[in-house]
Amino acid sequence: MLFLVESTHQTTATFKVNNQTHPVIAFQCKHIEALANHLKRNAVKVENNMDDGLGNLFLDFYDPDGNKFNVQCDKVMNVESGNSVPLLLSYTYLI
């Protein structure tokens, strides 16, 4: 469940750690490139499209109020038995 409360103060759904802004809300998807293209076609600000070096992909996007959101797409690794196992690097921020 997500609660949004209107405020008269200028706020965003982010927090800072070591002077870097992080989103409070993150999503996972299977087709991050398609999502990034869809968001851009619809004039959504998208940035930080990156690979963590292990093949896991991340991007940030912003809603019209400037709230930053994160999307990640986990790499699927093949193990020796031939089965595909997702490498999950999911995280939760508690503030």
N, C-alpha and C. Protein backbone atom coordinates (compact mmCIF):
# COMPACT_ATOMS: atom_id res chain seq x y z
N MET A 1 0.84 -1.16 0.00
CA MET A 1 0.00 0.00 0.00
C MET A 1 0.89 1.23 0.00
N LEU A 2 0.50 2.21 -0.77
CA LEU A 2 1.25 3.46 -0.88
C LEU A 2 0.34 4.61 -0.51
N PHE A 3 0.78 5.45 0.41
CA PHE A 3 0.02 6.62 0.80
C PHE A 3 0.72 7.86 0.30
N LEU A 4 0.01 8.72 -0.38
CA LEU A 4 0.53 10.00 -0.83
C LEU A 4 -0.25 11.09 -0.10
N VAL A 5 0.47 12.00 0.52
CA VAL A 5 -0.16 13.06 1.28
C VAL A 5 0.28 14.39 0.69
N GLU A 6 -0.69 15.22 0.33
CA GLU A 6 -0.37 16.52 -0.22
C GLU A 6 0.20 17.42 0.87
N SER A 7 1.19 18.19 0.51
CA SER A 7 1.87 19.07 1.47
C SER A 7 2.04 20.45 0.84
N THR A 8 2.08 21.46 1.67
CA THR A 8 2.36 22.81 1.17
C THR A 8 3.86 23.04 1.08
N HIS A 9 4.66 22.10 1.58
CA HIS A 9 6.12 22.21 1.54
C HIS A 9 6.65 21.59 0.25
N GLN A 10 7.76 22.11 -0.26
CA GLN A 10 8.41 21.56 -1.44
C GLN A 10 9.20 20.33 -1.02
N THR A 11 8.67 19.14 -1.30
CA THR A 11 9.32 17.90 -0.91
C THR A 11 9.34 16.94 -2.09
N THR A 12 10.22 15.96 -2.04
CA THR A 12 10.24 14.88 -3.03
C THR A 12 10.40 13.56 -2.31
N ALA A 13 10.09 12.48 -2.99
CA ALA A 13 10.19 11.13 -2.42
C ALA A 13 11.61 10.60 -2.59
N THR A 14 12.56 11.29 -2.00
CA THR A 14 13.97 10.90 -2.08
C THR A 14 14.64 11.13 -0.74
N PHE A 15 15.84 10.59 -0.60
CA PHE A 15 16.69 10.88 0.55
C PHE A 15 18.13 10.91 0.08
N LYS A 16 19.01 11.47 0.90
CA LYS A 16 20.42 11.58 0.52
C LYS A 16 21.31 10.75 1.44
N VAL A 17 22.31 10.09 0.83
CA VAL A 17 23.36 9.38 1.54
C VAL A 17 24.66 9.78 0.86
N ASN A 18 25.62 10.28 1.66
CA ASN A 18 26.90 10.74 1.11
C ASN A 18 26.69 11.71 -0.05
N ASN A 19 25.72 12.60 0.12
CA ASN A 19 25.42 13.66 -0.85
C ASN A 19 24.88 13.13 -2.18
N GLN A 20 24.47 11.86 -2.23
CA GLN A 20 23.84 11.29 -3.42
C GLN A 20 22.36 11.09 -3.15
N THR A 21 21.53 11.50 -4.09
CA THR A 21 20.09 11.36 -3.95
C THR A 21 19.65 9.95 -4.34
N HIS A 22 18.83 9.34 -3.49
CA HIS A 22 18.32 7.99 -3.72
C HIS A 22 16.80 8.02 -3.69
N PRO A 23 16.15 7.20 -4.52
CA PRO A 23 14.70 7.15 -4.50
C PRO A 23 14.18 6.34 -3.32
N VAL A 24 12.99 6.66 -2.87
CA VAL A 24 12.34 5.90 -1.81
C VAL A 24 11.64 4.67 -2.40
N ILE A 25 11.21 4.78 -3.66
CA ILE A 25 10.46 3.71 -4.30
C ILE A 25 11.25 3.18 -5.50
N ALA A 26 11.35 1.84 -5.59
CA ALA A 26 12.04 1.21 -6.71
C ALA A 26 11.16 0.08 -7.25
N PHE A 27 11.34 -0.20 -8.54
CA PHE A 27 10.57 -1.22 -9.22
C PHE A 27 11.52 -2.20 -9.90
N GLN A 28 11.01 -3.40 -10.21
CA GLN A 28 11.75 -4.35 -11.02
C GLN A 28 10.97 -4.59 -12.31
N CYS A 29 11.71 -4.85 -13.39
CA CYS A 29 11.05 -5.20 -14.65
C CYS A 29 11.94 -6.15 -15.43
N LYS A 30 11.36 -6.77 -16.44
CA LYS A 30 12.10 -7.72 -17.27
C LYS A 30 12.71 -7.07 -18.49
N HIS A 31 12.14 -5.98 -18.98
CA HIS A 31 12.56 -5.36 -20.23
C HIS A 31 12.86 -3.87 -20.00
N ILE A 32 13.99 -3.61 -19.38
CA ILE A 32 14.31 -2.25 -18.96
C ILE A 32 14.54 -1.31 -20.14
N GLU A 33 15.13 -1.82 -21.23
CA GLU A 33 15.37 -0.96 -22.39
C GLU A 33 14.04 -0.52 -23.01
N ALA A 34 13.09 -1.44 -23.10
CA ALA A 34 11.77 -1.10 -23.64
C ALA A 34 11.07 -0.09 -22.74
N LEU A 35 11.21 -0.26 -21.43
CA LEU A 35 10.62 0.69 -20.49
C LEU A 35 11.25 2.06 -20.65
N ALA A 36 12.57 2.12 -20.74
CA ALA A 36 13.27 3.41 -20.90
C ALA A 36 12.80 4.09 -22.17
N ASN A 37 12.69 3.36 -23.26
CA ASN A 37 12.22 3.95 -24.52
C ASN A 37 10.79 4.44 -24.41
N HIS A 38 9.93 3.68 -23.74
CA HIS A 38 8.53 4.08 -23.56
C HIS A 38 8.45 5.37 -22.74
N LEU A 39 9.20 5.43 -21.64
CA LEU A 39 9.19 6.63 -20.81
C LEU A 39 9.68 7.85 -21.59
N LYS A 40 10.77 7.70 -22.34
CA LYS A 40 11.31 8.82 -23.12
C LYS A 40 10.34 9.28 -24.19
N ARG A 41 9.67 8.34 -24.86
CA ARG A 41 8.67 8.70 -25.88
C ARG A 41 7.52 9.50 -25.28
N ASN A 42 7.30 9.32 -23.99
CA ASN A 42 6.21 10.01 -23.30
C ASN A 42 6.72 11.19 -22.47
N ALA A 43 7.89 11.71 -22.86
CA ALA A 43 8.48 12.93 -22.28
C ALA A 43 8.78 12.82 -20.79
N VAL A 44 9.11 11.61 -20.32
CA VAL A 44 9.51 11.41 -18.93
C VAL A 44 11.02 11.55 -18.86
N LYS A 45 11.50 12.29 -17.86
CA LYS A 45 12.93 12.44 -17.66
C LYS A 45 13.52 11.12 -17.16
N VAL A 46 14.47 10.56 -17.93
CA VAL A 46 15.12 9.29 -17.61
C VAL A 46 16.62 9.53 -17.54
N GLU A 47 17.27 8.97 -16.53
CA GLU A 47 18.73 9.13 -16.43
C GLU A 47 19.35 7.93 -15.73
N ASN A 48 20.67 7.94 -15.69
CA ASN A 48 21.45 6.91 -15.00
C ASN A 48 21.14 5.50 -15.50
N ASN A 49 20.96 5.35 -16.81
CA ASN A 49 20.80 4.03 -17.39
C ASN A 49 22.16 3.35 -17.28
N MET A 50 22.31 2.39 -16.34
CA MET A 50 23.64 1.84 -16.10
C MET A 50 23.61 0.34 -15.88
N ASP A 51 24.76 -0.25 -16.03
CA ASP A 51 25.01 -1.66 -15.79
C ASP A 51 25.95 -1.72 -14.59
N ASP A 52 25.67 -2.57 -13.62
CA ASP A 52 26.51 -2.64 -12.41
C ASP A 52 27.79 -3.45 -12.60
N GLY A 53 28.06 -3.88 -13.84
CA GLY A 53 29.26 -4.67 -14.10
C GLY A 53 29.00 -6.17 -14.01
N LEU A 54 27.87 -6.54 -13.43
CA LEU A 54 27.48 -7.95 -13.33
C LEU A 54 26.35 -8.27 -14.30
N GLY A 55 25.95 -7.26 -15.09
CA GLY A 55 24.87 -7.44 -16.05
C GLY A 55 23.52 -7.00 -15.55
N ASN A 56 23.42 -6.56 -14.30
CA ASN A 56 22.17 -6.04 -13.76
C ASN A 56 22.03 -4.59 -14.21
N LEU A 57 20.87 -4.25 -14.75
CA LEU A 57 20.65 -2.93 -15.32
C LEU A 57 19.76 -2.09 -14.42
N PHE A 58 20.05 -0.79 -14.37
CA PHE A 58 19.31 0.14 -13.53
C PHE A 58 19.03 1.42 -14.32
N LEU A 59 17.92 2.07 -14.00
CA LEU A 59 17.67 3.42 -14.51
C LEU A 59 16.85 4.18 -13.49
N ASP A 60 16.96 5.49 -13.54
CA ASP A 60 16.16 6.38 -12.70
C ASP A 60 15.24 7.17 -13.61
N PHE A 61 14.04 7.48 -13.11
CA PHE A 61 13.15 8.36 -13.83
C PHE A 61 12.41 9.25 -12.83
N TYR A 62 11.82 10.32 -13.33
CA TYR A 62 11.18 11.32 -12.48
C TYR A 62 9.73 11.54 -12.89
N ASP A 63 8.86 11.71 -11.90
CA ASP A 63 7.48 12.07 -12.20
C ASP A 63 7.40 13.59 -12.40
N PRO A 64 6.24 14.11 -12.79
CA PRO A 64 6.13 15.56 -13.05
C PRO A 64 6.43 16.45 -11.84
N ASP A 65 6.34 15.88 -10.61
CA ASP A 65 6.64 16.66 -9.41
C ASP A 65 8.10 16.58 -9.00
N GLY A 66 8.92 15.88 -9.77
CA GLY A 66 10.34 15.76 -9.46
C GLY A 66 10.71 14.60 -8.56
N ASN A 67 9.75 13.72 -8.26
CA ASN A 67 10.06 12.55 -7.45
C ASN A 67 10.87 11.56 -8.28
N LYS A 68 11.95 11.08 -7.70
CA LYS A 68 12.86 10.16 -8.38
C LYS A 68 12.45 8.72 -8.06
N PHE A 69 12.40 7.87 -9.08
CA PHE A 69 12.10 6.45 -8.93
C PHE A 69 13.21 5.65 -9.60
N ASN A 70 13.40 4.43 -9.15
CA ASN A 70 14.44 3.57 -9.70
C ASN A 70 13.80 2.31 -10.24
N VAL A 71 14.38 1.79 -11.33
CA VAL A 71 13.95 0.51 -11.90
C VAL A 71 15.20 -0.34 -12.07
N GLN A 72 15.09 -1.61 -11.74
CA GLN A 72 16.21 -2.52 -11.95
C GLN A 72 15.74 -3.75 -12.70
N CYS A 73 16.67 -4.32 -13.45
CA CYS A 73 16.42 -5.54 -14.20
C CYS A 73 17.57 -6.48 -13.87
N ASP A 74 17.26 -7.57 -13.16
CA ASP A 74 18.31 -8.49 -12.73
C ASP A 74 18.73 -9.42 -13.85
N LYS A 75 20.02 -9.70 -13.89
CA LYS A 75 20.59 -10.63 -14.87
C LYS A 75 20.15 -12.05 -14.53
N VAL A 76 19.93 -12.84 -15.54
CA VAL A 76 19.64 -14.25 -15.33
C VAL A 76 20.92 -15.02 -15.63
N MET A 77 21.38 -15.77 -14.65
CA MET A 77 22.63 -16.52 -14.79
C MET A 77 22.33 -17.98 -15.05
N ASN A 78 23.14 -18.62 -15.85
CA ASN A 78 23.03 -20.06 -16.07
C ASN A 78 23.98 -20.77 -15.12
N VAL A 79 23.45 -21.70 -14.36
CA VAL A 79 24.29 -22.49 -13.46
C VAL A 79 24.70 -23.77 -14.18
N GLU A 80 25.64 -24.49 -13.61
CA GLU A 80 26.21 -25.66 -14.28
C GLU A 80 25.16 -26.71 -14.65
N SER A 81 24.09 -26.82 -13.86
CA SER A 81 23.07 -27.83 -14.15
C SER A 81 22.24 -27.48 -15.38
N GLY A 82 22.42 -26.27 -15.90
CA GLY A 82 21.67 -25.85 -17.07
C GLY A 82 20.40 -25.09 -16.72
N ASN A 83 20.09 -24.99 -15.43
CA ASN A 83 18.91 -24.23 -15.01
C ASN A 83 19.22 -22.74 -14.97
N SER A 84 18.23 -21.94 -15.25
CA SER A 84 18.38 -20.50 -15.14
C SER A 84 17.94 -20.06 -13.75
N VAL A 85 18.78 -19.30 -13.10
CA VAL A 85 18.49 -18.81 -11.76
C VAL A 85 18.67 -17.30 -11.76
N PRO A 86 17.66 -16.54 -11.31
CA PRO A 86 17.85 -15.09 -11.27
C PRO A 86 18.83 -14.70 -10.17
N LEU A 87 19.70 -13.79 -10.50
CA LEU A 87 20.62 -13.22 -9.52
C LEU A 87 19.92 -11.98 -8.97
N LEU A 88 19.37 -12.09 -7.79
CA LEU A 88 18.58 -10.99 -7.24
C LEU A 88 19.45 -10.06 -6.41
N LEU A 89 19.44 -8.83 -6.77
CA LEU A 89 20.15 -7.80 -6.02
C LEU A 89 19.16 -6.76 -5.52
N SER A 90 17.99 -7.21 -5.15
CA SER A 90 16.94 -6.31 -4.70
C SER A 90 17.33 -5.67 -3.37
N TYR A 91 16.76 -4.52 -3.12
CA TYR A 91 17.08 -3.80 -1.90
C TYR A 91 15.85 -3.04 -1.44
N THR A 92 15.87 -2.71 -0.15
CA THR A 92 14.82 -1.89 0.44
C THR A 92 15.49 -0.81 1.26
N TYR A 93 15.02 0.40 1.10
CA TYR A 93 15.51 1.51 1.91
C TYR A 93 14.52 1.78 3.01
N LEU A 94 14.99 1.89 4.23
CA LEU A 94 14.15 2.28 5.35
C LEU A 94 14.63 3.64 5.82
N ILE A 95 13.70 4.55 5.90
CA ILE A 95 14.09 5.90 6.35
C ILE A 95 13.30 6.28 7.58
